[in-house]
N, C-alpha and C. Protein backbone atom coordinates (compact mmCIF):
# COMPACT_ATOMS: atom_id res chain seq x y z
N VAL A 1 0.85 -1.16 0.00
CA VAL A 1 0.00 0.00 0.00
C VAL A 1 0.90 1.23 0.00
N LEU A 2 0.65 2.15 -0.90
CA LEU A 2 1.44 3.38 -0.96
C LEU A 2 0.49 4.56 -0.83
N ASP A 3 0.69 5.35 0.21
CA ASP A 3 -0.11 6.54 0.43
C ASP A 3 0.74 7.73 -0.02
N SER A 4 0.40 8.30 -1.16
CA SER A 4 1.23 9.37 -1.71
C SER A 4 0.56 10.73 -1.57
N GLY A 5 -0.17 10.93 -0.50
CA GLY A 5 -0.88 12.19 -0.30
C GLY A 5 0.02 13.37 -0.06
N ILE A 6 1.24 13.17 0.42
CA ILE A 6 2.14 14.26 0.74
C ILE A 6 3.43 14.08 -0.03
N ALA A 7 3.90 15.15 -0.66
CA ALA A 7 5.14 15.09 -1.41
C ALA A 7 6.31 15.45 -0.52
N CYS A 8 7.47 14.89 -0.85
CA CYS A 8 8.68 15.19 -0.09
C CYS A 8 9.21 16.56 -0.50
N PRO A 9 9.83 17.27 0.44
CA PRO A 9 10.39 18.56 0.07
C PRO A 9 11.59 18.39 -0.85
N VAL A 10 11.73 19.29 -1.81
CA VAL A 10 12.81 19.20 -2.78
C VAL A 10 14.13 19.65 -2.17
N PHE A 11 14.10 20.60 -1.25
CA PHE A 11 15.32 21.19 -0.73
C PHE A 11 16.14 20.26 0.15
N ALA A 12 15.61 19.10 0.51
CA ALA A 12 16.31 18.22 1.46
C ALA A 12 17.19 17.19 0.77
N GLY A 13 17.34 17.28 -0.56
CA GLY A 13 18.03 16.22 -1.28
C GLY A 13 19.53 16.38 -1.35
N TYR A 14 20.18 15.29 -1.77
CA TYR A 14 21.61 15.30 -2.05
C TYR A 14 21.82 14.51 -3.33
N PRO A 15 22.87 14.83 -4.12
CA PRO A 15 23.05 14.16 -5.42
C PRO A 15 23.27 12.66 -5.28
N VAL A 16 22.75 11.90 -6.25
CA VAL A 16 22.96 10.46 -6.27
C VAL A 16 24.44 10.18 -6.51
N SER A 17 25.04 10.88 -7.46
CA SER A 17 26.48 10.77 -7.74
C SER A 17 26.97 12.15 -8.18
N PRO A 18 28.29 12.38 -8.15
CA PRO A 18 28.81 13.71 -8.48
C PRO A 18 28.41 14.22 -9.86
N LYS A 19 28.26 13.31 -10.85
CA LYS A 19 27.93 13.73 -12.22
C LYS A 19 26.43 13.76 -12.47
N ASP A 20 25.63 13.33 -11.51
CA ASP A 20 24.20 13.14 -11.72
C ASP A 20 23.40 14.37 -11.32
N GLU A 21 22.31 14.59 -12.04
CA GLU A 21 21.39 15.68 -11.72
C GLU A 21 20.22 15.17 -10.87
N GLU A 22 20.25 13.89 -10.52
CA GLU A 22 19.18 13.31 -9.72
C GLU A 22 19.51 13.45 -8.24
N TYR A 23 18.52 13.89 -7.46
CA TYR A 23 18.73 14.13 -6.04
C TYR A 23 17.93 13.15 -5.20
N VAL A 24 18.56 12.63 -4.14
CA VAL A 24 17.89 11.73 -3.21
C VAL A 24 17.16 12.57 -2.18
N LEU A 25 15.85 12.39 -2.09
CA LEU A 25 15.04 13.10 -1.10
C LEU A 25 14.84 12.26 0.14
N VAL A 26 14.65 10.96 -0.04
CA VAL A 26 14.43 10.03 1.08
C VAL A 26 15.24 8.77 0.82
N ASP A 27 15.97 8.31 1.82
CA ASP A 27 16.66 7.03 1.75
C ASP A 27 16.37 6.31 3.06
N ASN A 28 15.24 5.63 3.11
CA ASN A 28 14.79 4.97 4.33
C ASN A 28 15.18 3.50 4.27
N LYS A 29 16.30 3.17 4.94
CA LYS A 29 16.80 1.80 4.91
C LYS A 29 15.92 0.85 5.71
N CYS A 30 15.19 1.40 6.66
CA CYS A 30 14.33 0.57 7.51
C CYS A 30 13.15 0.01 6.70
N GLN A 31 12.60 0.84 5.80
CA GLN A 31 11.46 0.39 5.00
C GLN A 31 11.84 0.14 3.54
N CYS A 32 13.14 0.21 3.23
CA CYS A 32 13.64 -0.10 1.89
C CYS A 32 13.02 0.80 0.82
N VAL A 33 12.96 2.10 1.09
CA VAL A 33 12.37 3.06 0.16
C VAL A 33 13.38 4.15 -0.16
N THR A 34 13.51 4.47 -1.44
CA THR A 34 14.32 5.59 -1.88
C THR A 34 13.46 6.47 -2.78
N VAL A 35 13.44 7.77 -2.49
CA VAL A 35 12.70 8.72 -3.32
C VAL A 35 13.72 9.68 -3.91
N THR A 36 13.73 9.80 -5.23
CA THR A 36 14.65 10.71 -5.90
C THR A 36 13.87 11.69 -6.76
N SER A 37 14.53 12.78 -7.14
CA SER A 37 13.91 13.75 -8.04
C SER A 37 14.95 14.31 -8.97
N LYS A 38 14.52 14.71 -10.16
CA LYS A 38 15.40 15.38 -11.10
C LYS A 38 14.56 16.15 -12.10
N PHE A 39 15.19 17.14 -12.72
CA PHE A 39 14.52 17.92 -13.75
C PHE A 39 14.79 17.27 -15.10
N VAL A 40 13.73 17.11 -15.91
CA VAL A 40 13.84 16.54 -17.25
C VAL A 40 13.12 17.46 -18.22
N PRO A 41 13.51 17.44 -19.51
CA PRO A 41 12.81 18.27 -20.50
C PRO A 41 11.34 17.86 -20.62
N SER A 42 10.49 18.85 -20.72
CA SER A 42 9.06 18.59 -20.86
C SER A 42 8.77 18.02 -22.24
N LYS A 43 7.86 17.06 -22.32
CA LYS A 43 7.48 16.48 -23.61
C LYS A 43 6.69 17.48 -24.44
N GLU A 44 5.89 18.32 -23.76
CA GLU A 44 5.07 19.31 -24.46
C GLU A 44 5.92 20.48 -24.96
N ASN A 45 6.90 20.90 -24.15
CA ASN A 45 7.74 22.03 -24.50
C ASN A 45 9.18 21.71 -24.12
N PRO A 46 10.00 21.29 -25.09
CA PRO A 46 11.38 20.89 -24.80
C PRO A 46 12.25 22.00 -24.20
N ASP A 47 11.80 23.25 -24.29
CA ASP A 47 12.56 24.37 -23.71
C ASP A 47 12.33 24.49 -22.21
N GLU A 48 11.32 23.79 -21.70
CA GLU A 48 11.02 23.83 -20.27
C GLU A 48 11.45 22.52 -19.62
N GLU A 49 11.74 22.61 -18.33
CA GLU A 49 12.05 21.41 -17.55
C GLU A 49 10.97 21.19 -16.52
N ILE A 50 10.66 19.94 -16.26
CA ILE A 50 9.69 19.60 -15.23
C ILE A 50 10.37 18.72 -14.19
N LEU A 51 9.87 18.79 -12.97
CA LEU A 51 10.43 18.00 -11.88
C LEU A 51 9.75 16.63 -11.86
N VAL A 52 10.58 15.58 -11.90
CA VAL A 52 10.07 14.20 -11.87
C VAL A 52 10.58 13.54 -10.60
N ARG A 53 9.66 12.89 -9.87
CA ARG A 53 10.06 12.14 -8.68
C ARG A 53 9.93 10.66 -8.96
N ASN A 54 10.91 9.91 -8.51
CA ASN A 54 10.89 8.45 -8.65
C ASN A 54 10.87 7.84 -7.26
N ILE A 55 9.97 6.89 -7.06
CA ILE A 55 9.87 6.19 -5.78
C ILE A 55 10.28 4.74 -6.02
N ARG A 56 11.35 4.31 -5.34
CA ARG A 56 11.83 2.93 -5.47
C ARG A 56 11.55 2.22 -4.16
N ILE A 57 10.75 1.16 -4.23
CA ILE A 57 10.40 0.39 -3.05
C ILE A 57 10.86 -1.05 -3.26
N ILE A 58 11.65 -1.55 -2.33
CA ILE A 58 12.03 -2.96 -2.35
C ILE A 58 11.21 -3.66 -1.27
N VAL A 59 10.39 -4.61 -1.67
CA VAL A 59 9.56 -5.33 -0.70
C VAL A 59 10.33 -6.55 -0.22
N PRO A 60 10.73 -6.57 1.05
CA PRO A 60 11.49 -7.72 1.59
C PRO A 60 10.55 -8.89 1.89
N LEU A 61 10.48 -9.84 0.98
CA LEU A 61 9.49 -10.92 1.09
C LEU A 61 9.72 -11.83 2.28
N GLN A 62 10.92 -11.89 2.83
CA GLN A 62 11.19 -12.75 3.97
C GLN A 62 11.14 -11.98 5.30
N ALA A 63 10.59 -10.76 5.29
CA ALA A 63 10.52 -9.95 6.52
C ALA A 63 9.54 -10.59 7.50
N ARG A 64 9.84 -10.48 8.77
CA ARG A 64 8.99 -11.03 9.83
C ARG A 64 8.07 -9.94 10.37
N GLU A 65 6.93 -10.34 10.92
CA GLU A 65 6.00 -9.39 11.52
C GLU A 65 6.69 -8.61 12.64
N ASN A 66 7.44 -9.32 13.47
CA ASN A 66 8.22 -8.68 14.52
C ASN A 66 9.68 -8.84 14.14
N ILE A 67 10.30 -7.76 13.71
CA ILE A 67 11.66 -7.85 13.17
C ILE A 67 12.65 -8.36 14.22
N SER A 68 12.35 -8.17 15.50
CA SER A 68 13.25 -8.63 16.56
C SER A 68 12.98 -10.07 16.98
N ASP A 69 12.01 -10.72 16.34
CA ASP A 69 11.70 -12.12 16.66
C ASP A 69 11.81 -12.96 15.40
N PRO A 70 12.91 -13.66 15.21
CA PRO A 70 13.09 -14.46 13.99
C PRO A 70 12.07 -15.57 13.82
N LEU A 71 11.33 -15.89 14.88
CA LEU A 71 10.33 -16.97 14.80
C LEU A 71 8.93 -16.45 14.52
N SER A 72 8.74 -15.12 14.46
CA SER A 72 7.41 -14.57 14.20
C SER A 72 7.01 -14.88 12.75
N PRO A 73 5.70 -14.86 12.46
CA PRO A 73 5.27 -15.20 11.10
C PRO A 73 5.76 -14.18 10.07
N LEU A 74 5.83 -14.62 8.80
CA LEU A 74 6.25 -13.72 7.74
C LEU A 74 5.23 -12.60 7.55
N ARG A 75 5.72 -11.42 7.27
CA ARG A 75 4.86 -10.25 7.04
C ARG A 75 4.21 -10.37 5.67
N THR A 76 2.92 -10.10 5.61
CA THR A 76 2.20 -10.17 4.33
C THR A 76 1.67 -8.80 3.90
N THR A 77 1.69 -7.82 4.79
CA THR A 77 1.20 -6.47 4.46
C THR A 77 2.31 -5.46 4.70
N PHE A 78 2.54 -4.61 3.70
CA PHE A 78 3.53 -3.55 3.78
C PHE A 78 2.83 -2.23 3.49
N VAL A 79 2.96 -1.26 4.39
CA VAL A 79 2.30 0.03 4.22
C VAL A 79 3.37 1.11 4.17
N TYR A 80 3.32 1.95 3.12
CA TYR A 80 4.29 3.03 2.94
C TYR A 80 3.53 4.35 2.91
N ARG A 81 3.77 5.19 3.90
CA ARG A 81 3.13 6.52 3.96
C ARG A 81 4.20 7.57 3.69
N MET A 82 4.03 8.31 2.62
CA MET A 82 5.03 9.32 2.26
C MET A 82 5.23 10.33 3.38
N SER A 83 4.16 10.65 4.11
CA SER A 83 4.28 11.63 5.19
C SER A 83 5.24 11.12 6.27
N GLU A 84 5.27 9.81 6.51
CA GLU A 84 6.18 9.26 7.51
C GLU A 84 7.59 9.12 6.96
N LEU A 85 7.71 8.76 5.69
CA LEU A 85 9.03 8.61 5.09
C LEU A 85 9.75 9.95 4.99
N CYS A 86 8.99 11.03 4.80
CA CYS A 86 9.59 12.34 4.57
C CYS A 86 9.81 13.14 5.85
N LYS A 87 9.28 12.68 6.97
CA LYS A 87 9.44 13.49 8.18
C LYS A 87 10.90 13.55 8.62
N ASN A 88 11.28 14.69 9.12
CA ASN A 88 12.66 14.91 9.55
C ASN A 88 12.67 15.04 11.06
N CYS A 89 13.25 14.09 11.74
CA CYS A 89 13.28 14.11 13.21
C CYS A 89 14.65 14.45 13.75
N GLU A 90 15.53 14.93 12.88
CA GLU A 90 16.86 15.33 13.34
C GLU A 90 16.73 16.58 14.21
N PRO A 91 17.39 16.62 15.37
CA PRO A 91 17.31 17.81 16.22
C PRO A 91 18.02 18.98 15.56
N ALA A 92 17.53 20.17 15.84
CA ALA A 92 18.13 21.39 15.29
C ALA A 92 18.07 22.47 16.36
N GLU A 93 18.72 23.59 16.07
CA GLU A 93 18.71 24.73 16.99
C GLU A 93 18.35 25.98 16.22
N VAL A 94 17.58 26.86 16.88
CA VAL A 94 17.26 28.17 16.30
C VAL A 94 17.62 29.24 17.32
N GLU A 95 17.94 30.42 16.80
CA GLU A 95 18.29 31.53 17.69
C GLU A 95 17.08 32.43 17.86
N LEU A 96 16.71 32.65 19.11
CA LEU A 96 15.61 33.55 19.45
C LEU A 96 16.10 34.52 20.51
N GLY A 97 16.14 35.79 20.16
CA GLY A 97 16.57 36.81 21.13
C GLY A 97 18.00 36.61 21.59
N GLY A 98 18.86 36.13 20.70
CA GLY A 98 20.26 35.94 21.05
C GLY A 98 20.55 34.66 21.81
N VAL A 99 19.52 33.82 22.04
CA VAL A 99 19.70 32.56 22.77
C VAL A 99 19.34 31.41 21.84
N MET A 100 20.19 30.38 21.82
CA MET A 100 19.93 29.20 20.99
C MET A 100 18.97 28.27 21.73
N HIS A 101 17.94 27.80 21.00
CA HIS A 101 16.94 26.90 21.57
C HIS A 101 16.88 25.63 20.73
N PRO A 102 16.82 24.45 21.39
CA PRO A 102 16.66 23.20 20.62
C PRO A 102 15.24 23.10 20.09
N VAL A 103 15.09 22.65 18.84
CA VAL A 103 13.77 22.49 18.23
C VAL A 103 13.70 21.12 17.56
N GLN A 104 12.49 20.68 17.33
CA GLN A 104 12.25 19.42 16.63
C GLN A 104 11.67 19.77 15.27
N GLN A 105 12.21 19.17 14.20
CA GLN A 105 11.80 19.55 12.85
C GLN A 105 10.56 18.80 12.36
N GLY A 106 10.24 17.68 12.98
CA GLY A 106 9.11 16.89 12.49
C GLY A 106 8.08 16.63 13.55
N ASN A 107 6.92 16.15 13.10
CA ASN A 107 5.84 15.76 14.01
C ASN A 107 5.87 14.25 14.21
N SER A 108 5.29 13.79 15.27
CA SER A 108 5.15 12.36 15.56
C SER A 108 6.49 11.65 15.61
N CYS A 109 7.52 12.31 16.08
CA CYS A 109 8.85 11.69 16.15
C CYS A 109 8.98 10.73 17.32
N GLU A 110 8.04 10.78 18.26
CA GLU A 110 8.10 9.88 19.41
C GLU A 110 7.60 8.49 19.05
N GLU A 111 6.79 8.39 17.98
CA GLU A 111 6.24 7.10 17.59
C GLU A 111 7.32 6.25 16.93
N PRO A 112 7.42 4.97 17.31
CA PRO A 112 8.44 4.12 16.70
C PRO A 112 8.13 3.86 15.22
N GLN A 113 9.18 3.76 14.43
CA GLN A 113 9.02 3.52 13.00
C GLN A 113 8.82 2.03 12.76
N THR A 114 7.89 1.69 11.88
CA THR A 114 7.72 0.29 11.49
C THR A 114 8.87 -0.07 10.58
N CYS A 115 9.56 -1.14 10.91
CA CYS A 115 10.75 -1.52 10.16
C CYS A 115 10.52 -2.86 9.47
N TYR A 116 10.76 -2.89 8.15
CA TYR A 116 10.59 -4.12 7.39
C TYR A 116 11.92 -4.86 7.20
N MET A 117 13.01 -4.12 7.31
CA MET A 117 14.35 -4.69 7.18
C MET A 117 15.20 -4.13 8.31
N TYR A 118 16.34 -4.73 8.53
CA TYR A 118 17.23 -4.21 9.56
C TYR A 118 17.86 -2.91 9.09
N ASP A 119 17.73 -1.89 9.91
CA ASP A 119 18.42 -0.63 9.68
C ASP A 119 19.74 -0.77 10.42
N ARG A 120 20.85 -0.72 9.72
CA ARG A 120 22.16 -0.96 10.33
C ARG A 120 22.54 0.09 11.37
N ASN A 121 21.77 1.18 11.43
CA ASN A 121 22.03 2.19 12.45
C ASN A 121 21.31 1.88 13.76
N GLU A 122 20.41 0.91 13.74
CA GLU A 122 19.64 0.53 14.92
C GLU A 122 20.18 -0.78 15.50
N CYS A 123 19.96 -0.97 16.78
CA CYS A 123 20.37 -2.20 17.44
C CYS A 123 19.13 -3.06 17.68
N TYR A 124 19.11 -4.25 17.10
CA TYR A 124 18.00 -5.17 17.29
C TYR A 124 18.49 -6.36 18.10
N SER A 125 17.66 -6.81 19.03
CA SER A 125 18.03 -7.99 19.81
C SER A 125 16.81 -8.89 19.97
N SER A 126 17.09 -10.12 20.30
CA SER A 126 16.02 -11.10 20.49
C SER A 126 16.42 -12.00 21.66
N PRO A 127 15.45 -12.35 22.53
CA PRO A 127 15.80 -13.24 23.65
C PRO A 127 16.14 -14.64 23.15
N VAL A 128 17.25 -15.16 23.64
CA VAL A 128 17.72 -16.49 23.23
C VAL A 128 17.89 -17.34 24.49
N PRO A 129 17.38 -18.59 24.49
CA PRO A 129 17.56 -19.45 25.67
C PRO A 129 19.03 -19.87 25.81
N LEU A 130 19.53 -19.75 27.02
CA LEU A 130 20.92 -20.12 27.31
C LEU A 130 20.91 -21.03 28.53
N LEU A 131 21.55 -22.18 28.39
CA LEU A 131 21.62 -23.12 29.50
C LEU A 131 22.81 -22.76 30.37
N TYR A 132 22.54 -22.40 31.63
CA TYR A 132 23.59 -21.96 32.55
C TYR A 132 23.43 -22.71 33.87
N HIS A 133 24.40 -23.56 34.20
CA HIS A 133 24.36 -24.41 35.40
C HIS A 133 23.06 -25.21 35.46
N GLY A 134 22.67 -25.77 34.32
CA GLY A 134 21.49 -26.63 34.28
C GLY A 134 20.17 -25.87 34.25
N GLU A 135 20.21 -24.55 34.24
CA GLU A 135 18.98 -23.76 34.22
C GLU A 135 18.92 -22.96 32.91
N ALA A 136 17.76 -23.01 32.24
CA ALA A 136 17.58 -22.26 30.99
C ALA A 136 17.19 -20.81 31.31
N ARG A 137 17.98 -19.89 30.80
CA ARG A 137 17.70 -18.46 30.98
C ARG A 137 17.60 -17.80 29.61
N HIS A 138 16.72 -16.83 29.51
CA HIS A 138 16.60 -16.07 28.26
C HIS A 138 17.45 -14.80 28.39
N VAL A 139 18.41 -14.67 27.48
CA VAL A 139 19.28 -13.50 27.47
C VAL A 139 19.15 -12.82 26.11
N PRO A 140 19.27 -11.48 26.07
CA PRO A 140 19.16 -10.80 24.77
C PRO A 140 20.41 -11.05 23.92
N ALA A 141 20.18 -11.39 22.68
CA ALA A 141 21.29 -11.59 21.73
C ALA A 141 21.15 -10.57 20.61
N ALA A 142 22.26 -9.96 20.23
CA ALA A 142 22.24 -8.94 19.19
C ALA A 142 21.99 -9.57 17.82
N LEU A 143 21.03 -9.01 17.09
CA LEU A 143 20.76 -9.48 15.73
C LEU A 143 21.58 -8.68 14.71
N THR A 144 21.97 -7.47 15.07
CA THR A 144 22.80 -6.63 14.20
C THR A 144 23.99 -6.16 15.01
N PRO A 145 24.99 -7.00 15.18
CA PRO A 145 26.10 -6.70 16.09
C PRO A 145 26.85 -5.43 15.78
N ALA A 146 27.02 -5.07 14.51
CA ALA A 146 27.83 -3.89 14.18
C ALA A 146 27.29 -2.63 14.83
N SER A 147 25.96 -2.47 14.87
CA SER A 147 25.38 -1.27 15.47
C SER A 147 25.23 -1.41 16.98
N CYS A 148 25.17 -2.64 17.48
CA CYS A 148 24.96 -2.82 18.92
C CYS A 148 26.23 -2.60 19.72
N PHE A 149 27.37 -2.87 19.12
CA PHE A 149 28.61 -2.80 19.86
C PHE A 149 29.52 -1.68 19.38
N ALA A 150 28.98 -0.74 18.60
CA ALA A 150 29.79 0.38 18.11
C ALA A 150 30.19 1.27 19.27
N GLN A 151 31.40 1.78 19.21
CA GLN A 151 31.90 2.64 20.30
C GLN A 151 31.38 4.05 20.13
């Protein structure tokens, strides 16, 4: 399901490559979505350029309903909301009256993001049974070690 009611801002992009005129607006590794934009000549008037956006979605067919539980059932429904993909939750600061104040750039940043694939910047763990002195204990095991043990 793709909800395209809201467009991504153009000013937030970065070039795909140094020689390319295509800009990446969204690169959401958690939901496997990339949104790019570029100007192309208009078919009606070759002297004008129009902005074209491309949405690339990779559907991870082996994704689990609960990404932190390898035994959960396979996910059968994938929902992509452009408004969620485009929100910017990076902290920022603004100056008001000579004093810097922290601000939040997006709405609903407290809500956890639904993840269809492992985002290598996040730490995922799952409880694993471990036999210790004859007693089975559940201990958290890292599913993405590189992000869990980064210094």
